[in-house]
Structure formats: structure tokens, C-alpha cells
ModelCIF file with pLDDT and N, C-alpha, C, O atoms, coordinates in Angstrom:
data_MODEL
#
_entry.id   MODEL 
#
_entity.id                         1 
_entity.type                       polymer 
_entity.pdbx_number_of_molecules   1 
#
_entity_poly.entity_id                      1 
_entity_poly.type                           'polypeptide(L)' 
_entity_poly.nstd_linkage                   no 
_entity_poly.nstd_monomer                   no 
_entity_poly.pdbx_seq_one_letter_code       EGLFFPDTYFCAVASSDLALLKQAYSRMQSKLG 
_entity_poly.pdbx_seq_one_letter_code_can   EGLFFPDTYFCAVASSDLALLKQAYSRMQSKLG 
_entity_poly.pdbx_strand_id                 A 
#
loop_
_entity_poly_seq.entity_id 
_entity_poly_seq.num 
_entity_poly_seq.mon_id 
_entity_poly_seq.hetero 
1 1  GLU n 
1 2  GLY n 
1 3  LEU n 
1 4  PHE n 
1 5  PHE n 
1 6  PRO n 
1 7  ASP n 
1 8  THR n 
1 9  TYR n 
1 10 PHE n 
1 11 CYS n 
1 12 ALA n 
1 13 VAL n 
1 14 ALA n 
1 15 SER n 
1 16 SER n 
1 17 ASP n 
1 18 LEU n 
1 19 ALA n 
1 20 LEU n 
1 21 LEU n 
1 22 LYS n 
1 23 GLN n 
1 24 ALA n 
1 25 TYR n 
1 26 SER n 
1 27 ARG n 
1 28 MET n 
1 29 GLN n 
1 30 SER n 
1 31 LYS n 
1 32 LEU n 
1 33 GLY n 
#
_struct_asym.id          A 
_struct_asym.entity_id   1 
#
loop_
_ma_qa_metric.id 
_ma_qa_metric.mode 
_ma_qa_metric.name 
_ma_qa_metric.software_group_id 
_ma_qa_metric.type 
1 global pLDDT . pLDDT 
2 local  pLDDT . pLDDT 
#
_ma_qa_metric_global.metric_id      1 
_ma_qa_metric_global.metric_value   93.91 
_ma_qa_metric_global.model_id       1 
_ma_qa_metric_global.ordinal_id     1 
#
loop_
_ma_qa_metric_local.label_asym_id 
_ma_qa_metric_local.label_comp_id 
_ma_qa_metric_local.label_seq_id 
_ma_qa_metric_local.metric_id 
_ma_qa_metric_local.metric_value 
_ma_qa_metric_local.model_id 
_ma_qa_metric_local.ordinal_id 
A GLU 1  2 98.00 1 1  
A GLY 2  2 97.00 1 2  
A LEU 3  2 98.00 1 3  
A PHE 4  2 98.00 1 4  
A PHE 5  2 98.00 1 5  
A PRO 6  2 97.00 1 6  
A ASP 7  2 95.00 1 7  
A THR 8  2 93.00 1 8  
A TYR 9  2 93.00 1 9  
A PHE 10 2 89.00 1 10 
A CYS 11 2 86.00 1 11 
A ALA 12 2 83.00 1 12 
A VAL 13 2 82.00 1 13 
A ALA 14 2 81.00 1 14 
A SER 15 2 86.00 1 15 
A SER 16 2 91.00 1 16 
A ASP 17 2 94.00 1 17 
A LEU 18 2 96.00 1 18 
A ALA 19 2 94.00 1 19 
A LEU 20 2 95.00 1 20 
A LEU 21 2 97.00 1 21 
A LYS 22 2 96.00 1 22 
A GLN 23 2 96.00 1 23 
A ALA 24 2 97.00 1 24 
A TYR 25 2 97.00 1 25 
A SER 26 2 97.00 1 26 
A ARG 27 2 96.00 1 27 
A MET 28 2 97.00 1 28 
A GLN 29 2 97.00 1 29 
A SER 30 2 96.00 1 30 
A LYS 31 2 96.00 1 31 
A LEU 32 2 97.00 1 32 
A GLY 33 2 96.00 1 33 
#
loop_
_atom_site.group_PDB 
_atom_site.id 
_atom_site.type_symbol 
_atom_site.label_atom_id 
_atom_site.label_alt_id 
_atom_site.label_comp_id 
_atom_site.label_asym_id 
_atom_site.label_entity_id 
_atom_site.label_seq_id 
_atom_site.pdbx_PDB_ins_code 
_atom_site.Cartn_x 
_atom_site.Cartn_y 
_atom_site.Cartn_z 
_atom_site.occupancy 
_atom_site.B_iso_or_equiv 
_atom_site.pdbx_formal_charge 
_atom_site.auth_seq_id 
_atom_site.auth_comp_id 
_atom_site.auth_asym_id 
_atom_site.auth_atom_id 
_atom_site.pdbx_PDB_model_num 
ATOM 1   N N  . GLU A 1 1  ? -13.639 -20.664 -3.121  1.00 98.00 ? 1  GLU A N  1 
ATOM 2   C CA . GLU A 1 1  ? -13.607 -19.207 -3.243  1.00 98.00 ? 1  GLU A CA 1 
ATOM 3   C C  . GLU A 1 1  ? -12.348 -18.610 -2.623  1.00 98.00 ? 1  GLU A C  1 
ATOM 4   O O  . GLU A 1 1  ? -12.014 -18.900 -1.475  1.00 98.00 ? 1  GLU A O  1 
ATOM 5   N N  . GLY A 1 2  ? -11.657 -17.777 -3.393  1.00 97.00 ? 2  GLY A N  1 
ATOM 6   C CA . GLY A 1 2  ? -10.521 -17.022 -2.878  1.00 97.00 ? 2  GLY A CA 1 
ATOM 7   C C  . GLY A 1 2  ? -9.229  -17.789 -2.737  1.00 97.00 ? 2  GLY A C  1 
ATOM 8   O O  . GLY A 1 2  ? -8.227  -17.215 -2.311  1.00 97.00 ? 2  GLY A O  1 
ATOM 9   N N  . LEU A 1 3  ? -9.212  -19.074 -3.078  1.00 98.00 ? 3  LEU A N  1 
ATOM 10  C CA . LEU A 1 3  ? -8.038  -19.914 -2.803  1.00 98.00 ? 3  LEU A CA 1 
ATOM 11  C C  . LEU A 1 3  ? -6.936  -19.789 -3.844  1.00 98.00 ? 3  LEU A C  1 
ATOM 12  O O  . LEU A 1 3  ? -5.848  -20.332 -3.649  1.00 98.00 ? 3  LEU A O  1 
ATOM 13  N N  . PHE A 1 4  ? -7.188  -19.086 -4.945  1.00 98.00 ? 4  PHE A N  1 
ATOM 14  C CA . PHE A 1 4  ? -6.253  -19.078 -6.061  1.00 98.00 ? 4  PHE A CA 1 
ATOM 15  C C  . PHE A 1 4  ? -5.678  -17.670 -6.250  1.00 98.00 ? 4  PHE A C  1 
ATOM 16  O O  . PHE A 1 4  ? -6.410  -16.680 -6.289  1.00 98.00 ? 4  PHE A O  1 
ATOM 17  N N  . PHE A 1 5  ? -4.372  -17.613 -6.362  1.00 98.00 ? 5  PHE A N  1 
ATOM 18  C CA . PHE A 1 5  ? -3.705  -16.314 -6.371  1.00 98.00 ? 5  PHE A CA 1 
ATOM 19  C C  . PHE A 1 5  ? -3.876  -15.621 -7.720  1.00 98.00 ? 5  PHE A C  1 
ATOM 20  O O  . PHE A 1 5  ? -3.584  -16.215 -8.758  1.00 98.00 ? 5  PHE A O  1 
ATOM 21  N N  . PRO A 1 6  ? -4.346  -14.371 -7.719  1.00 97.00 ? 6  PRO A N  1 
ATOM 22  C CA . PRO A 1 6  ? -4.514  -13.644 -8.978  1.00 97.00 ? 6  PRO A CA 1 
ATOM 23  C C  . PRO A 1 6  ? -3.168  -13.180 -9.529  1.00 97.00 ? 6  PRO A C  1 
ATOM 24  O O  . PRO A 1 6  ? -2.419  -12.475 -8.853  1.00 97.00 ? 6  PRO A O  1 
ATOM 25  N N  . ASP A 1 7  ? -2.879  -13.578 -10.745 1.00 95.00 ? 7  ASP A N  1 
ATOM 26  C CA . ASP A 1 7  ? -1.593  -13.258 -11.363 1.00 95.00 ? 7  ASP A CA 1 
ATOM 27  C C  . ASP A 1 7  ? -1.691  -13.632 -12.842 1.00 95.00 ? 7  ASP A C  1 
ATOM 28  O O  . ASP A 1 7  ? -2.704  -14.177 -13.282 1.00 95.00 ? 7  ASP A O  1 
ATOM 29  N N  . THR A 1 8  ? -0.638  -13.338 -13.608 1.00 93.00 ? 8  THR A N  1 
ATOM 30  C CA . THR A 1 8  ? -0.548  -13.804 -14.990 1.00 93.00 ? 8  THR A CA 1 
ATOM 31  C C  . THR A 1 8  ? 0.219   -15.111 -15.007 1.00 93.00 ? 8  THR A C  1 
ATOM 32  O O  . THR A 1 8  ? 1.342   -15.192 -14.509 1.00 93.00 ? 8  THR A O  1 
ATOM 33  N N  . TYR A 1 9  ? -0.395  -16.136 -15.586 1.00 93.00 ? 9  TYR A N  1 
ATOM 34  C CA . TYR A 1 9  ? 0.199   -17.466 -15.618 1.00 93.00 ? 9  TYR A CA 1 
ATOM 35  C C  . TYR A 1 9  ? 0.523   -17.865 -17.055 1.00 93.00 ? 9  TYR A C  1 
ATOM 36  O O  . TYR A 1 9  ? -0.203  -17.530 -17.991 1.00 93.00 ? 9  TYR A O  1 
ATOM 37  N N  . PHE A 1 10 ? 1.623   -18.584 -17.203 1.00 89.00 ? 10 PHE A N  1 
ATOM 38  C CA . PHE A 1 10 ? 2.028   -19.128 -18.484 1.00 89.00 ? 10 PHE A CA 1 
ATOM 39  C C  . PHE A 1 10 ? 2.119   -20.639 -18.355 1.00 89.00 ? 10 PHE A C  1 
ATOM 40  O O  . PHE A 1 10 ? 2.731   -21.155 -17.420 1.00 89.00 ? 10 PHE A O  1 
ATOM 41  N N  . CYS A 1 11 ? 1.510   -21.343 -19.295 1.00 86.00 ? 11 CYS A N  1 
ATOM 42  C CA . CYS A 1 11 ? 1.546   -22.802 -19.242 1.00 86.00 ? 11 CYS A CA 1 
ATOM 43  C C  . CYS A 1 11 ? 1.599   -23.350 -20.659 1.00 86.00 ? 11 CYS A C  1 
ATOM 44  O O  . CYS A 1 11 ? 1.250   -22.662 -21.618 1.00 86.00 ? 11 CYS A O  1 
ATOM 45  N N  . ALA A 1 12 ? 2.033   -24.583 -20.778 1.00 83.00 ? 12 ALA A N  1 
ATOM 46  C CA . ALA A 1 12 ? 2.110   -25.219 -22.088 1.00 83.00 ? 12 ALA A CA 1 
ATOM 47  C C  . ALA A 1 12 ? 0.719   -25.328 -22.699 1.00 83.00 ? 12 ALA A C  1 
ATOM 48  O O  . ALA A 1 12 ? -0.248  -25.666 -22.017 1.00 83.00 ? 12 ALA A O  1 
ATOM 49  N N  . VAL A 1 13 ? 0.633   -25.039 -23.985 1.00 82.00 ? 13 VAL A N  1 
ATOM 50  C CA . VAL A 1 13 ? -0.628  -25.204 -24.698 1.00 82.00 ? 13 VAL A CA 1 
ATOM 51  C C  . VAL A 1 13 ? -1.101  -26.649 -24.531 1.00 82.00 ? 13 VAL A C  1 
ATOM 52  O O  . VAL A 1 13 ? -0.310  -27.589 -24.605 1.00 82.00 ? 13 VAL A O  1 
ATOM 53  N N  . ALA A 1 14 ? -2.402  -26.805 -24.305 1.00 81.00 ? 14 ALA A N  1 
ATOM 54  C CA . ALA A 1 14 ? -3.046  -28.108 -24.119 1.00 81.00 ? 14 ALA A CA 1 
ATOM 55  C C  . ALA A 1 14 ? -2.776  -28.710 -22.750 1.00 81.00 ? 14 ALA A C  1 
ATOM 56  O O  . ALA A 1 14 ? -3.097  -29.875 -22.518 1.00 81.00 ? 14 ALA A O  1 
ATOM 57  N N  . SER A 1 15 ? -2.190  -27.940 -21.835 1.00 86.00 ? 15 SER A N  1 
ATOM 58  C CA . SER A 1 15 ? -2.034  -28.431 -20.471 1.00 86.00 ? 15 SER A CA 1 
ATOM 59  C C  . SER A 1 15 ? -3.375  -28.324 -19.748 1.00 86.00 ? 15 SER A C  1 
ATOM 60  O O  . SER A 1 15 ? -4.258  -27.576 -20.169 1.00 86.00 ? 15 SER A O  1 
ATOM 61  N N  . SER A 1 16 ? -3.518  -29.070 -18.668 1.00 91.00 ? 16 SER A N  1 
ATOM 62  C CA . SER A 1 16 ? -4.799  -29.158 -17.972 1.00 91.00 ? 16 SER A CA 1 
ATOM 63  C C  . SER A 1 16 ? -5.121  -27.891 -17.192 1.00 91.00 ? 16 SER A C  1 
ATOM 64  O O  . SER A 1 16 ? -4.248  -27.299 -16.557 1.00 91.00 ? 16 SER A O  1 
ATOM 65  N N  . ASP A 1 17 ? -6.385  -27.484 -17.248 1.00 94.00 ? 17 ASP A N  1 
ATOM 66  C CA . ASP A 1 17 ? -6.808  -26.342 -16.439 1.00 94.00 ? 17 ASP A CA 1 
ATOM 67  C C  . ASP A 1 17 ? -6.697  -26.672 -14.944 1.00 94.00 ? 17 ASP A C  1 
ATOM 68  O O  . ASP A 1 17 ? -6.533  -25.766 -14.127 1.00 94.00 ? 17 ASP A O  1 
ATOM 69  N N  . LEU A 1 18 ? -6.785  -27.944 -14.582 1.00 96.00 ? 18 LEU A N  1 
ATOM 70  C CA . LEU A 1 18 ? -6.617  -28.329 -13.189 1.00 96.00 ? 18 LEU A CA 1 
ATOM 71  C C  . LEU A 1 18 ? -5.178  -28.100 -12.726 1.00 96.00 ? 18 LEU A C  1 
ATOM 72  O O  . LEU A 1 18 ? -4.940  -27.708 -11.584 1.00 96.00 ? 18 LEU A O  1 
ATOM 73  N N  . ALA A 1 19 ? -4.217  -28.351 -13.629 1.00 94.00 ? 19 ALA A N  1 
ATOM 74  C CA . ALA A 1 19 ? -2.810  -28.106 -13.285 1.00 94.00 ? 19 ALA A CA 1 
ATOM 75  C C  . ALA A 1 19 ? -2.570  -26.618 -13.051 1.00 94.00 ? 19 ALA A C  1 
ATOM 76  O O  . ALA A 1 19 ? -1.794  -26.238 -12.175 1.00 94.00 ? 19 ALA A O  1 
ATOM 77  N N  . LEU A 1 20 ? -3.246  -25.776 -13.843 1.00 95.00 ? 20 LEU A N  1 
ATOM 78  C CA . LEU A 1 20 ? -3.112  -24.330 -13.672 1.00 95.00 ? 20 LEU A CA 1 
ATOM 79  C C  . LEU A 1 20 ? -3.717  -23.890 -12.341 1.00 95.00 ? 20 LEU A C  1 
ATOM 80  O O  . LEU A 1 20 ? -3.145  -23.055 -11.640 1.00 95.00 ? 20 LEU A O  1 
ATOM 81  N N  . LEU A 1 21 ? -4.865  -24.449 -11.996 1.00 97.00 ? 21 LEU A N  1 
ATOM 82  C CA . LEU A 1 21 ? -5.484  -24.132 -10.712 1.00 97.00 ? 21 LEU A CA 1 
ATOM 83  C C  . LEU A 1 21 ? -4.593  -24.576 -9.558  1.00 97.00 ? 21 LEU A C  1 
ATOM 84  O O  . LEU A 1 21 ? -4.476  -23.871 -8.555  1.00 97.00 ? 21 LEU A O  1 
ATOM 85  N N  . LYS A 1 22 ? -3.975  -25.724 -9.693  1.00 96.00 ? 22 LYS A N  1 
ATOM 86  C CA . LYS A 1 22 ? -3.072  -26.216 -8.653  1.00 96.00 ? 22 LYS A CA 1 
ATOM 87  C C  . LYS A 1 22 ? -1.906  -25.251 -8.451  1.00 96.00 ? 22 LYS A C  1 
ATOM 88  O O  . LYS A 1 22 ? -1.499  -24.977 -7.322  1.00 96.00 ? 22 LYS A O  1 
ATOM 89  N N  . GLN A 1 23 ? -1.377  -24.742 -9.558  1.00 96.00 ? 23 GLN A N  1 
ATOM 90  C CA . GLN A 1 23 ? -0.271  -23.786 -9.486  1.00 96.00 ? 23 GLN A CA 1 
ATOM 91  C C  . GLN A 1 23 ? -0.722  -22.504 -8.792  1.00 96.00 ? 23 GLN A C  1 
ATOM 92  O O  . GLN A 1 23 ? 0.000   -21.964 -7.954  1.00 96.00 ? 23 GLN A O  1 
ATOM 93  N N  . ALA A 1 24 ? -1.912  -22.014 -9.138  1.00 97.00 ? 24 ALA A N  1 
ATOM 94  C CA . ALA A 1 24 ? -2.425  -20.780 -8.526  1.00 97.00 ? 24 ALA A CA 1 
ATOM 95  C C  . ALA A 1 24 ? -2.724  -20.985 -7.043  1.00 97.00 ? 24 ALA A C  1 
ATOM 96  O O  . ALA A 1 24 ? -2.519  -20.077 -6.237  1.00 97.00 ? 24 ALA A O  1 
ATOM 97  N N  . TYR A 1 25 ? -3.206  -22.165 -6.681  1.00 97.00 ? 25 TYR A N  1 
ATOM 98  C CA . TYR A 1 25 ? -3.464  -22.473 -5.274  1.00 97.00 ? 25 TYR A CA 1 
ATOM 99  C C  . TYR A 1 25 ? -2.157  -22.499 -4.480  1.00 97.00 ? 25 TYR A C  1 
ATOM 100 O O  . TYR A 1 25 ? -2.076  -21.937 -3.388  1.00 97.00 ? 25 TYR A O  1 
ATOM 101 N N  . SER A 1 26 ? -1.148  -23.147 -5.029  1.00 97.00 ? 26 SER A N  1 
ATOM 102 C CA . SER A 1 26 ? 0.149   -23.227 -4.344  1.00 97.00 ? 26 SER A CA 1 
ATOM 103 C C  . SER A 1 26 ? 0.753   -21.845 -4.150  1.00 97.00 ? 26 SER A C  1 
ATOM 104 O O  . SER A 1 26 ? 1.354   -21.557 -3.115  1.00 97.00 ? 26 SER A O  1 
ATOM 105 N N  . ARG A 1 27 ? 0.586   -20.993 -5.156  1.00 96.00 ? 27 ARG A N  1 
ATOM 106 C CA . ARG A 1 27 ? 1.125   -19.637 -5.042  1.00 96.00 ? 27 ARG A CA 1 
ATOM 107 C C  . ARG A 1 27 ? 0.387   -18.845 -3.964  1.00 96.00 ? 27 ARG A C  1 
ATOM 108 O O  . ARG A 1 27 ? 1.004   -18.075 -3.228  1.00 96.00 ? 27 ARG A O  1 
ATOM 109 N N  . MET A 1 28 ? -0.925  -19.030 -3.870  1.00 97.00 ? 28 MET A N  1 
ATOM 110 C CA . MET A 1 28 ? -1.681  -18.335 -2.827  1.00 97.00 ? 28 MET A CA 1 
ATOM 111 C C  . MET A 1 28 ? -1.244  -18.812 -1.449  1.00 97.00 ? 28 MET A C  1 
ATOM 112 O O  . MET A 1 28 ? -1.081  -18.002 -0.537  1.00 97.00 ? 28 MET A O  1 
ATOM 113 N N  . GLN A 1 29 ? -1.053  -20.118 -1.288  1.00 97.00 ? 29 GLN A N  1 
ATOM 114 C CA . GLN A 1 29 ? -0.619  -20.642 -0.001  1.00 97.00 ? 29 GLN A CA 1 
ATOM 115 C C  . GLN A 1 29 ? 0.757   -20.096 0.383   1.00 97.00 ? 29 GLN A C  1 
ATOM 116 O O  . GLN A 1 29 ? 1.014   -19.790 1.548   1.00 97.00 ? 29 GLN A O  1 
ATOM 117 N N  . SER A 1 30 ? 1.629   -19.982 -0.606  1.00 96.00 ? 30 SER A N  1 
ATOM 118 C CA . SER A 1 30 ? 2.969   -19.459 -0.354  1.00 96.00 ? 30 SER A CA 1 
ATOM 119 C C  . SER A 1 30 ? 2.918   -17.993 0.071   1.00 96.00 ? 30 SER A C  1 
ATOM 120 O O  . SER A 1 30 ? 3.584   -17.593 1.026   1.00 96.00 ? 30 SER A O  1 
ATOM 121 N N  . LYS A 1 31 ? 2.119   -17.190 -0.648  1.00 96.00 ? 31 LYS A N  1 
ATOM 122 C CA . LYS A 1 31 ? 1.991   -15.767 -0.312  1.00 96.00 ? 31 LYS A CA 1 
ATOM 123 C C  . LYS A 1 31 ? 1.385   -15.585 1.075   1.00 96.00 ? 31 LYS A C  1 
ATOM 124 O O  . LYS A 1 31 ? 1.883   -14.800 1.883   1.00 96.00 ? 31 LYS A O  1 
ATOM 125 N N  . LEU A 1 32 ? 0.317   -16.309 1.340   1.00 97.00 ? 32 LEU A N  1 
ATOM 126 C CA . LEU A 1 32 ? -0.348  -16.196 2.632   1.00 97.00 ? 32 LEU A CA 1 
ATOM 127 C C  . LEU A 1 32 ? 0.584   -16.580 3.777   1.00 97.00 ? 32 LEU A C  1 
ATOM 128 O O  . LEU A 1 32 ? 0.652   -15.899 4.799   1.00 97.00 ? 32 LEU A O  1 
ATOM 129 N N  . GLY A 1 33 ? 1.303   -17.689 3.583   1.00 96.00 ? 33 GLY A N  1 
ATOM 130 C CA . GLY A 1 33 ? 2.192   -18.158 4.641   1.00 96.00 ? 33 GLY A CA 1 
ATOM 131 C C  . GLY A 1 33 ? 3.290   -17.160 4.956   1.00 96.00 ? 33 GLY A C  1 
ATOM 132 O O  . GLY A 1 33 ? 4.121   -17.413 5.829   1.00 96.00 ? 33 GLY A O  1 
#
């Protein structure tokens, strides 16, 4: 809960939803830090 940064994301069609979550998590960690 709350670990993923809310934003508009662009990714390659057919890319993994896990990869998108990883990107959103990294962005949240960067913003928080």
C-alpha cells in the first residue's frame, strides 16, 4: 500500500505489469528520499 508513485507512465506494449510497478516504486523512493 502506498509504495507506488502516482503519475502517467509510458511503457512498451506487451511489457510486464511488474516492470511498470517496479518503475513506479523506484520513482516513489526517489521522490520520498
